[in-house]
C-alpha cells in the first residue's frame, strides 16, 4: 500500500510541474518572424565575416561562432516553428500543406542559389591556389550555412507571408 501512495505522490509532483499537460495537447504553432530572420542573418553574417578575413584569422573563428549561434537558433525555430512537421502526430489540413509547400519552395530557391555561389567560391579558391585549411574551413562553414537555411527559411517564409490569427495569449 505504501508503494501505491508513493506512486500517487510522484504523479502529483510530476503533474505539479505542468509537463504532462504540455504533452496531452498538440503544440500551438505560432509565427516566429524575428527568431527565424535573426537565425538567417547570423548565419550569413558569420560566413561573410569569415570570408572577409580569409578564413584564417581569429576574427574568422568569431564568424564561425556567430554562424553556429544562428544554426542553434534555426534548430529551435524548426522545432517550435509555425509549420507542422512531416509525419508528426498533428494532422496537417489543406491550409497547412499549402503553407508548407510554399515555404519549402522558397527555401529550395535560397538553398540552390547559396549552394551554387558556395561551389563557385570553393572552385575559385582551388583555381587560385588558396590555402587548403582555409578552403576546408569554408566548406565546413558552408555546410552549417546550408543547414541553417534548411531549418530557418521555411519558418521565416511562413511567418512573414501568412496572416496569422492572434489568440489572446499569443503575441506575434
N, C-alpha and C. Protein backbone atom coordinates (compact mmCIF):
# COMPACT_ATOMS: atom_id res chain seq x y z
N UNK A 1 0.82 -1.18 0.00
CA UNK A 1 0.00 0.00 0.00
C UNK A 1 0.87 1.25 0.00
N UNK A 2 2.02 1.17 0.60
CA UNK A 2 2.91 2.34 0.60
C UNK A 2 3.44 2.61 -0.80
N UNK A 3 3.59 1.54 -1.60
CA UNK A 3 4.05 1.75 -2.97
C UNK A 3 3.02 2.54 -3.78
N UNK A 4 1.74 2.25 -3.54
CA UNK A 4 0.69 2.94 -4.27
C UNK A 4 0.63 4.41 -3.87
N UNK A 5 0.75 4.70 -2.60
CA UNK A 5 0.70 6.10 -2.16
C UNK A 5 1.97 6.85 -2.63
N UNK A 6 3.07 6.15 -2.66
CA UNK A 6 4.31 6.78 -3.14
C UNK A 6 4.18 7.13 -4.63
N UNK A 7 3.60 6.21 -5.39
CA UNK A 7 3.42 6.48 -6.81
C UNK A 7 2.42 7.62 -7.04
N UNK A 8 1.38 7.69 -6.21
CA UNK A 8 0.42 8.78 -6.33
C UNK A 8 1.07 10.12 -6.00
N UNK A 9 1.94 10.12 -5.02
CA UNK A 9 2.65 11.36 -4.66
C UNK A 9 3.59 11.78 -5.79
N UNK A 10 4.27 10.80 -6.38
CA UNK A 10 5.16 11.12 -7.50
C UNK A 10 4.36 11.64 -8.71
N UNK A 11 3.21 11.01 -8.97
CA UNK A 11 2.36 11.50 -10.06
C UNK A 11 1.89 12.93 -9.78
N UNK A 12 1.52 13.21 -8.56
CA UNK A 12 1.08 14.55 -8.21
C UNK A 12 2.23 15.56 -8.35
N UNK A 13 3.43 15.14 -7.98
CA UNK A 13 4.59 16.01 -8.10
C UNK A 13 4.90 16.31 -9.57
N UNK A 14 4.83 15.29 -10.41
CA UNK A 14 5.08 15.50 -11.83
C UNK A 14 3.97 16.34 -12.44
N UNK A 15 2.73 16.11 -12.03
CA UNK A 15 1.62 16.91 -12.53
C UNK A 15 1.74 18.36 -12.13
N UNK A 16 2.34 18.63 -10.98
CA UNK A 16 2.53 19.99 -10.50
C UNK A 16 3.48 20.77 -11.41
N UNK A 17 4.43 20.09 -12.06
CA UNK A 17 5.38 20.78 -12.93
C UNK A 17 4.72 21.30 -14.20
N UNK A 18 3.62 20.70 -14.62
CA UNK A 18 2.93 21.14 -15.82
C UNK A 18 3.39 20.45 -17.09
N UNK A 19 4.40 19.62 -16.99
CA UNK A 19 4.92 18.93 -18.18
C UNK A 19 3.91 17.95 -18.76
N UNK A 20 3.21 17.14 -17.98
CA UNK A 20 2.21 16.25 -18.59
C UNK A 20 1.11 17.00 -19.33
N UNK A 21 0.73 18.17 -18.86
CA UNK A 21 -0.30 18.95 -19.55
C UNK A 21 0.19 19.41 -20.92
N UNK A 22 1.48 19.68 -21.05
CA UNK A 22 2.02 20.09 -22.34
C UNK A 22 1.98 18.95 -23.35
N UNK A 23 2.19 17.73 -22.87
CA UNK A 23 2.25 16.59 -23.79
C UNK A 23 0.86 16.06 -24.16
N UNK A 24 -0.19 16.48 -23.47
CA UNK A 24 -1.53 15.99 -23.76
C UNK A 24 -2.19 16.72 -24.91
N UNK A 25 -1.69 17.88 -25.28
CA UNK A 25 -2.26 18.66 -26.36
C UNK A 25 -1.19 18.88 -27.43
N UNK A 26 -1.59 18.98 -28.70
CA UNK A 26 -0.60 19.28 -29.73
C UNK A 26 -0.02 20.67 -29.51
N UNK A 27 1.23 20.88 -29.87
CA UNK A 27 1.83 22.20 -29.65
C UNK A 27 1.15 23.26 -30.51
N UNK A 28 1.05 24.46 -29.97
CA UNK A 28 0.48 25.56 -30.73
C UNK A 28 1.53 26.07 -31.69
N UNK A 29 1.13 26.25 -32.92
CA UNK A 29 2.02 26.77 -33.93
C UNK A 29 1.80 28.27 -34.03
N UNK A 30 2.86 29.02 -33.90
CA UNK A 30 2.76 30.47 -33.96
C UNK A 30 3.89 31.01 -34.83
N UNK A 31 3.69 32.18 -35.40
CA UNK A 31 4.74 32.73 -36.26
C UNK A 31 5.97 33.12 -35.45
N UNK A 32 7.10 32.83 -36.00
CA UNK A 32 8.37 33.19 -35.38
C UNK A 32 9.16 34.06 -36.36
N UNK A 33 8.62 35.24 -36.63
CA UNK A 33 9.22 36.10 -37.65
C UNK A 33 10.65 36.48 -37.30
N UNK A 34 10.82 37.05 -36.14
CA UNK A 34 12.13 37.58 -35.80
C UNK A 34 13.15 36.51 -35.44
N UNK A 35 12.81 35.49 -34.70
CA UNK A 35 13.84 34.47 -34.44
C UNK A 35 14.34 33.79 -35.72
N UNK A 36 13.44 33.50 -36.65
CA UNK A 36 13.87 32.87 -37.90
C UNK A 36 14.72 33.82 -38.73
N UNK A 37 14.33 35.08 -38.79
CA UNK A 37 15.10 36.06 -39.55
C UNK A 37 16.46 36.30 -38.91
N UNK A 38 16.50 36.35 -37.59
CA UNK A 38 17.77 36.54 -36.89
C UNK A 38 18.69 35.34 -37.10
N UNK A 39 18.14 34.13 -37.10
CA UNK A 39 18.96 32.94 -37.34
C UNK A 39 19.62 33.02 -38.71
N UNK A 40 18.85 33.38 -39.72
CA UNK A 40 19.42 33.50 -41.07
C UNK A 40 20.44 34.64 -41.15
N UNK A 41 20.12 35.76 -40.53
CA UNK A 41 21.05 36.89 -40.56
C UNK A 41 22.36 36.55 -39.87
N UNK A 42 22.29 35.86 -38.74
CA UNK A 42 23.52 35.46 -38.03
C UNK A 42 24.35 34.50 -38.87
N UNK A 43 23.70 33.55 -39.51
CA UNK A 43 24.43 32.58 -40.32
C UNK A 43 25.13 33.25 -41.50
N UNK A 44 24.41 34.10 -42.20
CA UNK A 44 25.01 34.79 -43.35
C UNK A 44 26.09 35.78 -42.90
N UNK A 45 25.85 36.48 -41.79
CA UNK A 45 26.85 37.42 -41.29
C UNK A 45 28.11 36.69 -40.82
N UNK A 46 27.93 35.53 -40.20
CA UNK A 46 29.09 34.76 -39.73
C UNK A 46 29.97 34.29 -40.87
N UNK A 47 29.37 33.76 -41.91
CA UNK A 47 30.19 33.29 -43.03
C UNK A 47 30.77 34.47 -43.80
N UNK A 48 30.06 35.59 -43.88
CA UNK A 48 30.60 36.77 -44.55
C UNK A 48 31.81 37.32 -43.79
N UNK A 49 31.73 37.33 -42.47
CA UNK A 49 32.86 37.78 -41.66
C UNK A 49 34.06 36.86 -41.85
N UNK A 50 33.83 35.57 -41.87
CA UNK A 50 34.93 34.63 -42.07
C UNK A 50 35.54 34.76 -43.46
N UNK A 51 34.70 34.92 -44.47
CA UNK A 51 35.21 35.09 -45.83
C UNK A 51 35.98 36.39 -45.99
N UNK A 52 35.53 37.43 -45.33
CA UNK A 52 36.22 38.72 -45.45
C UNK A 52 37.60 38.68 -44.81
N UNK A 53 37.81 37.77 -43.89
CA UNK A 53 39.10 37.64 -43.22
C UNK A 53 39.92 36.46 -43.75
N UNK A 54 39.50 35.88 -44.85
CA UNK A 54 40.28 34.82 -45.47
C UNK A 54 40.25 33.49 -44.74
N UNK A 55 39.31 33.29 -43.85
CA UNK A 55 39.15 32.03 -43.10
C UNK A 55 40.37 31.66 -42.27
N UNK A 56 41.24 32.61 -41.96
CA UNK A 56 42.49 32.23 -41.28
C UNK A 56 42.75 32.99 -39.99
N UNK A 57 42.13 34.08 -39.74
CA UNK A 57 42.46 34.87 -38.56
C UNK A 57 41.53 34.53 -37.41
N UNK A 58 41.86 34.98 -36.21
CA UNK A 58 40.93 34.76 -35.09
C UNK A 58 39.55 35.37 -35.31
N UNK A 59 39.49 36.44 -36.11
CA UNK A 59 38.19 37.04 -36.40
C UNK A 59 37.34 36.12 -37.26
N UNK A 60 37.99 35.29 -38.08
CA UNK A 60 37.25 34.31 -38.87
C UNK A 60 36.63 33.25 -37.95
N UNK A 61 37.31 32.93 -36.86
CA UNK A 61 36.73 31.99 -35.89
C UNK A 61 35.55 32.62 -35.17
N UNK A 62 35.60 33.92 -34.97
CA UNK A 62 34.44 34.62 -34.40
C UNK A 62 33.26 34.53 -35.36
N UNK A 63 33.54 34.64 -36.66
CA UNK A 63 32.48 34.47 -37.66
C UNK A 63 31.88 33.08 -37.60
N UNK A 64 32.74 32.09 -37.38
CA UNK A 64 32.25 30.71 -37.24
C UNK A 64 31.35 30.58 -36.02
N UNK A 65 31.72 31.21 -34.93
CA UNK A 65 30.89 31.19 -33.73
C UNK A 65 29.56 31.88 -33.94
N UNK A 66 29.56 33.00 -34.65
CA UNK A 66 28.32 33.70 -34.96
C UNK A 66 27.42 32.81 -35.82
N UNK A 67 28.03 32.11 -36.77
CA UNK A 67 27.25 31.21 -37.62
C UNK A 67 26.67 30.06 -36.81
N UNK A 68 27.43 29.53 -35.86
CA UNK A 68 26.92 28.44 -35.02
C UNK A 68 25.75 28.92 -34.16
N UNK A 69 25.82 30.15 -33.69
CA UNK A 69 24.70 30.71 -32.93
C UNK A 69 23.45 30.79 -33.80
N UNK A 70 23.61 31.22 -35.04
CA UNK A 70 22.48 31.24 -35.97
C UNK A 70 21.94 29.84 -36.24
N UNK A 71 22.85 28.86 -36.33
CA UNK A 71 22.44 27.47 -36.54
C UNK A 71 21.61 26.97 -35.36
N UNK A 72 22.04 27.28 -34.14
CA UNK A 72 21.29 26.84 -32.96
C UNK A 72 19.91 27.49 -32.90
N UNK A 73 19.84 28.77 -33.19
CA UNK A 73 18.54 29.45 -33.21
C UNK A 73 17.65 28.85 -34.29
N UNK A 74 18.24 28.54 -35.44
CA UNK A 74 17.49 27.92 -36.53
C UNK A 74 16.92 26.56 -36.15
N UNK A 75 17.68 25.78 -35.39
CA UNK A 75 17.18 24.48 -34.94
C UNK A 75 15.99 24.64 -34.00
N UNK A 76 16.06 25.60 -33.11
CA UNK A 76 14.95 25.84 -32.18
C UNK A 76 13.72 26.32 -32.95
N UNK A 77 13.95 27.19 -33.95
CA UNK A 77 12.84 27.69 -34.76
C UNK A 77 12.16 26.55 -35.50
N UNK A 78 12.93 25.62 -36.01
CA UNK A 78 12.34 24.49 -36.72
C UNK A 78 11.48 23.64 -35.79
N UNK A 79 11.93 23.45 -34.57
CA UNK A 79 11.21 22.61 -33.62
C UNK A 79 9.89 23.25 -33.19
N UNK A 80 9.91 24.53 -32.85
CA UNK A 80 8.72 25.18 -32.31
C UNK A 80 8.05 26.11 -33.32
N UNK A 81 8.49 26.06 -34.56
CA UNK A 81 8.04 26.99 -35.58
C UNK A 81 6.61 26.82 -36.02
N UNK A 82 6.22 27.61 -37.00
CA UNK A 82 4.82 27.65 -37.40
C UNK A 82 4.38 26.48 -38.28
N UNK A 83 5.31 25.74 -38.84
CA UNK A 83 4.95 24.66 -39.75
C UNK A 83 4.82 23.34 -39.00
N UNK A 84 3.78 22.60 -39.34
CA UNK A 84 3.63 21.27 -38.77
C UNK A 84 4.63 20.33 -39.45
N UNK A 85 5.32 19.51 -38.68
CA UNK A 85 6.34 18.65 -39.29
C UNK A 85 5.72 17.52 -40.11
N UNK A 86 6.49 17.04 -41.08
CA UNK A 86 6.06 15.88 -41.85
C UNK A 86 6.04 14.66 -40.95
N UNK A 87 5.01 13.85 -41.05
CA UNK A 87 4.96 12.60 -40.29
C UNK A 87 4.78 12.79 -38.80
N UNK A 88 4.35 13.95 -38.36
CA UNK A 88 4.16 14.20 -36.94
C UNK A 88 2.81 13.68 -36.46
N UNK A 89 2.56 13.84 -35.18
CA UNK A 89 1.29 13.40 -34.62
C UNK A 89 0.16 14.35 -34.97
N UNK A 90 0.50 15.58 -35.33
CA UNK A 90 -0.52 16.54 -35.71
C UNK A 90 -0.94 16.29 -37.15
N UNK A 91 -2.22 16.33 -37.40
CA UNK A 91 -2.72 16.16 -38.75
C UNK A 91 -2.66 17.50 -39.48
N UNK A 92 -2.07 17.48 -40.67
CA UNK A 92 -1.97 18.69 -41.48
C UNK A 92 -3.16 18.75 -42.43
N UNK A 93 -3.90 19.85 -42.37
CA UNK A 93 -5.02 20.01 -43.29
C UNK A 93 -4.52 20.68 -44.58
N UNK A 94 -5.46 21.04 -45.46
CA UNK A 94 -5.07 21.63 -46.75
C UNK A 94 -4.31 22.93 -46.58
N UNK A 95 -4.74 23.75 -45.64
CA UNK A 95 -4.08 25.03 -45.41
C UNK A 95 -2.64 24.81 -44.96
N UNK A 96 -2.45 23.89 -44.02
CA UNK A 96 -1.10 23.60 -43.53
C UNK A 96 -0.21 23.07 -44.65
N UNK A 97 -0.75 22.20 -45.46
CA UNK A 97 0.05 21.65 -46.57
C UNK A 97 0.40 22.73 -47.60
N UNK A 98 -0.52 23.64 -47.87
CA UNK A 98 -0.25 24.71 -48.83
C UNK A 98 0.82 25.67 -48.30
N UNK A 99 0.71 26.04 -47.03
CA UNK A 99 1.70 26.93 -46.42
C UNK A 99 3.07 26.25 -46.41
N UNK A 100 3.09 24.99 -46.05
CA UNK A 100 4.35 24.24 -46.00
C UNK A 100 4.97 24.11 -47.40
N UNK A 101 4.14 23.87 -48.41
CA UNK A 101 4.66 23.73 -49.78
C UNK A 101 5.27 25.04 -50.26
N UNK A 102 4.60 26.17 -50.01
CA UNK A 102 5.16 27.46 -50.42
C UNK A 102 6.44 27.77 -49.66
N UNK A 103 6.47 27.43 -48.39
CA UNK A 103 7.66 27.71 -47.57
C UNK A 103 8.86 26.90 -48.06
N UNK A 104 8.64 25.62 -48.36
CA UNK A 104 9.76 24.80 -48.81
C UNK A 104 10.16 25.10 -50.24
N UNK A 105 9.25 25.60 -51.05
CA UNK A 105 9.61 26.01 -52.40
C UNK A 105 10.53 27.23 -52.37
N UNK A 106 10.21 28.19 -51.53
CA UNK A 106 11.10 29.35 -51.41
C UNK A 106 12.43 28.96 -50.76
N UNK A 107 12.39 28.01 -49.85
CA UNK A 107 13.62 27.52 -49.23
C UNK A 107 14.51 26.87 -50.28
N UNK A 108 13.91 26.12 -51.19
CA UNK A 108 14.70 25.48 -52.24
C UNK A 108 15.42 26.51 -53.09
N UNK A 109 14.74 27.62 -53.40
CA UNK A 109 15.38 28.66 -54.21
C UNK A 109 16.58 29.26 -53.48
N UNK A 110 16.41 29.60 -52.21
CA UNK A 110 17.52 30.17 -51.43
C UNK A 110 18.65 29.16 -51.30
N UNK A 111 18.30 27.91 -51.04
CA UNK A 111 19.30 26.84 -50.88
C UNK A 111 20.08 26.64 -52.18
N UNK A 112 19.39 26.61 -53.32
CA UNK A 112 20.05 26.37 -54.60
C UNK A 112 20.99 27.52 -54.96
N UNK A 113 20.55 28.75 -54.77
CA UNK A 113 21.40 29.89 -55.08
C UNK A 113 22.62 29.93 -54.18
N UNK A 114 22.43 29.68 -52.90
CA UNK A 114 23.55 29.67 -51.96
C UNK A 114 24.53 28.55 -52.29
N UNK A 115 24.02 27.39 -52.64
CA UNK A 115 24.89 26.27 -52.99
C UNK A 115 25.71 26.59 -54.22
N UNK A 116 25.10 27.16 -55.24
CA UNK A 116 25.84 27.49 -56.45
C UNK A 116 26.91 28.55 -56.19
N UNK A 117 26.59 29.56 -55.40
CA UNK A 117 27.59 30.58 -55.07
C UNK A 117 28.73 29.98 -54.25
N UNK A 118 28.41 29.10 -53.31
CA UNK A 118 29.45 28.48 -52.49
C UNK A 118 30.34 27.57 -53.33
N UNK A 119 29.75 26.81 -54.23
CA UNK A 119 30.57 25.96 -55.11
C UNK A 119 31.47 26.80 -56.01
N UNK A 120 30.95 27.89 -56.53
CA UNK A 120 31.76 28.78 -57.35
C UNK A 120 32.93 29.33 -56.53
N UNK A 121 32.66 29.76 -55.29
CA UNK A 121 33.73 30.31 -54.45
C UNK A 121 34.78 29.25 -54.11
N UNK A 122 34.32 28.04 -53.81
CA UNK A 122 35.28 26.97 -53.50
C UNK A 122 36.11 26.59 -54.72
N UNK A 123 35.50 26.53 -55.87
CA UNK A 123 36.25 26.21 -57.10
C UNK A 123 37.23 27.34 -57.44
N UNK A 124 36.81 28.58 -57.22
CA UNK A 124 37.72 29.70 -57.45
C UNK A 124 38.90 29.64 -56.48
N UNK A 125 38.63 29.25 -55.26
CA UNK A 125 39.71 29.10 -54.29
C UNK A 125 40.70 28.02 -54.69
N UNK A 126 40.19 26.92 -55.22
CA UNK A 126 41.09 25.87 -55.71
C UNK A 126 41.89 26.34 -56.91
N UNK A 127 41.24 27.07 -57.82
CA UNK A 127 41.93 27.54 -59.02
C UNK A 127 42.99 28.59 -58.69
N UNK A 128 42.72 29.40 -57.67
CA UNK A 128 43.67 30.44 -57.29
C UNK A 128 44.68 29.96 -56.25
N UNK A 129 44.64 28.67 -55.95
CA UNK A 129 45.60 28.04 -55.04
C UNK A 129 45.59 28.66 -53.64
N UNK A 130 44.38 28.84 -53.09
CA UNK A 130 44.27 29.31 -51.73
C UNK A 130 44.72 28.20 -50.78
N UNK A 131 45.05 28.54 -49.55
CA UNK A 131 45.50 27.50 -48.60
C UNK A 131 44.39 26.47 -48.34
N UNK A 132 44.79 25.22 -48.29
CA UNK A 132 43.81 24.13 -48.11
C UNK A 132 43.05 24.23 -46.78
N UNK A 133 43.70 24.59 -45.65
CA UNK A 133 42.91 24.72 -44.41
C UNK A 133 41.81 25.78 -44.52
N UNK A 134 42.09 26.86 -45.24
CA UNK A 134 41.07 27.90 -45.41
C UNK A 134 39.91 27.37 -46.26
N UNK A 135 40.22 26.59 -47.29
CA UNK A 135 39.16 26.01 -48.11
C UNK A 135 38.33 25.01 -47.33
N UNK A 136 38.98 24.22 -46.49
CA UNK A 136 38.25 23.25 -45.67
C UNK A 136 37.35 23.95 -44.66
N UNK A 137 37.86 25.03 -44.06
CA UNK A 137 37.05 25.81 -43.12
C UNK A 137 35.86 26.43 -43.85
N UNK A 138 36.08 26.92 -45.06
CA UNK A 138 34.99 27.49 -45.85
C UNK A 138 33.94 26.44 -46.20
N UNK A 139 34.39 25.23 -46.52
CA UNK A 139 33.44 24.16 -46.84
C UNK A 139 32.62 23.78 -45.62
N UNK A 140 33.28 23.70 -44.46
CA UNK A 140 32.55 23.36 -43.23
C UNK A 140 31.54 24.44 -42.88
N UNK A 141 31.94 25.69 -43.00
CA UNK A 141 31.01 26.77 -42.69
C UNK A 141 29.87 26.82 -43.69
N UNK A 142 30.14 26.46 -44.93
CA UNK A 142 29.08 26.43 -45.93
C UNK A 142 28.04 25.37 -45.58
N UNK A 143 28.49 24.22 -45.08
CA UNK A 143 27.53 23.18 -44.68
C UNK A 143 26.62 23.67 -43.57
N UNK A 144 27.18 24.34 -42.58
CA UNK A 144 26.34 24.85 -41.49
C UNK A 144 25.42 25.97 -41.97
N UNK A 145 25.88 26.75 -42.93
CA UNK A 145 25.01 27.77 -43.51
C UNK A 145 23.83 27.11 -44.23
N UNK A 146 24.10 26.05 -44.98
CA UNK A 146 23.03 25.36 -45.69
C UNK A 146 22.06 24.69 -44.72
N UNK A 147 22.57 24.12 -43.63
CA UNK A 147 21.69 23.54 -42.62
C UNK A 147 20.81 24.61 -41.98
N UNK A 148 21.38 25.78 -41.74
CA UNK A 148 20.59 26.87 -41.16
C UNK A 148 19.51 27.32 -42.13
N UNK A 149 19.85 27.37 -43.42
CA UNK A 149 18.85 27.73 -44.42
C UNK A 149 17.71 26.71 -44.41
N UNK A 150 18.04 25.43 -44.36
CA UNK A 150 17.00 24.40 -44.36
C UNK A 150 16.12 24.46 -43.11
N UNK A 151 16.70 24.86 -41.99
CA UNK A 151 15.93 24.90 -40.74
C UNK A 151 15.12 26.18 -40.58
N UNK A 152 15.69 27.32 -40.93
CA UNK A 152 15.06 28.60 -40.58
C UNK A 152 14.26 29.23 -41.72
N UNK A 153 14.62 28.98 -42.97
CA UNK A 153 13.94 29.66 -44.07
C UNK A 153 12.47 29.27 -44.19
N UNK A 154 12.09 27.99 -44.06
CA UNK A 154 10.65 27.70 -44.14
C UNK A 154 9.85 28.42 -43.06
N UNK A 155 10.37 28.46 -41.85
CA UNK A 155 9.67 29.16 -40.77
C UNK A 155 9.61 30.65 -41.03
N UNK A 156 10.70 31.22 -41.54
CA UNK A 156 10.71 32.66 -41.83
C UNK A 156 9.71 32.99 -42.94
N UNK A 157 9.71 32.19 -44.00
CA UNK A 157 8.80 32.46 -45.11
C UNK A 157 7.35 32.31 -44.67
N UNK A 158 7.06 31.25 -43.93
CA UNK A 158 5.68 31.04 -43.47
C UNK A 158 5.27 32.11 -42.46
N UNK A 159 6.18 32.54 -41.64
CA UNK A 159 5.85 33.54 -40.63
C UNK A 159 5.58 34.90 -41.24
N UNK A 160 6.36 35.26 -42.26
CA UNK A 160 6.21 36.58 -42.87
C UNK A 160 5.12 36.61 -43.92
N UNK A 161 4.90 35.53 -44.65
CA UNK A 161 3.97 35.56 -45.79
C UNK A 161 2.52 35.30 -45.41
N UNK A 162 2.29 34.65 -44.29
CA UNK A 162 0.94 34.25 -43.91
C UNK A 162 0.41 35.20 -42.85
N UNK A 163 -0.86 35.55 -42.97
CA UNK A 163 -1.51 36.36 -41.94
C UNK A 163 -2.03 35.41 -40.87
N UNK A 164 -1.42 35.44 -39.70
CA UNK A 164 -1.76 34.52 -38.62
C UNK A 164 -2.82 35.14 -37.74
N UNK A 165 -3.77 34.29 -37.29
CA UNK A 165 -4.77 34.75 -36.36
C UNK A 165 -4.14 34.84 -34.98
N UNK A 166 -4.46 35.89 -34.27
CA UNK A 166 -3.88 36.10 -32.95
C UNK A 166 -4.86 35.66 -31.86
N UNK A 167 -4.39 34.80 -30.99
CA UNK A 167 -5.17 34.46 -29.80
C UNK A 167 -4.89 35.51 -28.72
N UNK A 168 -5.66 35.44 -27.65
CA UNK A 168 -5.44 36.39 -26.56
C UNK A 168 -4.08 36.20 -25.93
N UNK A 169 -3.61 34.94 -25.83
CA UNK A 169 -2.35 34.68 -25.15
C UNK A 169 -1.17 34.60 -26.12
N UNK A 170 -1.40 34.82 -27.42
CA UNK A 170 -0.31 34.77 -28.39
C UNK A 170 -0.02 36.18 -28.89
N UNK A 171 1.24 36.51 -28.87
CA UNK A 171 1.66 37.80 -29.43
C UNK A 171 2.66 37.51 -30.53
N UNK A 172 2.50 38.15 -31.66
CA UNK A 172 3.16 37.97 -32.82
C UNK A 172 4.44 37.77 -33.27
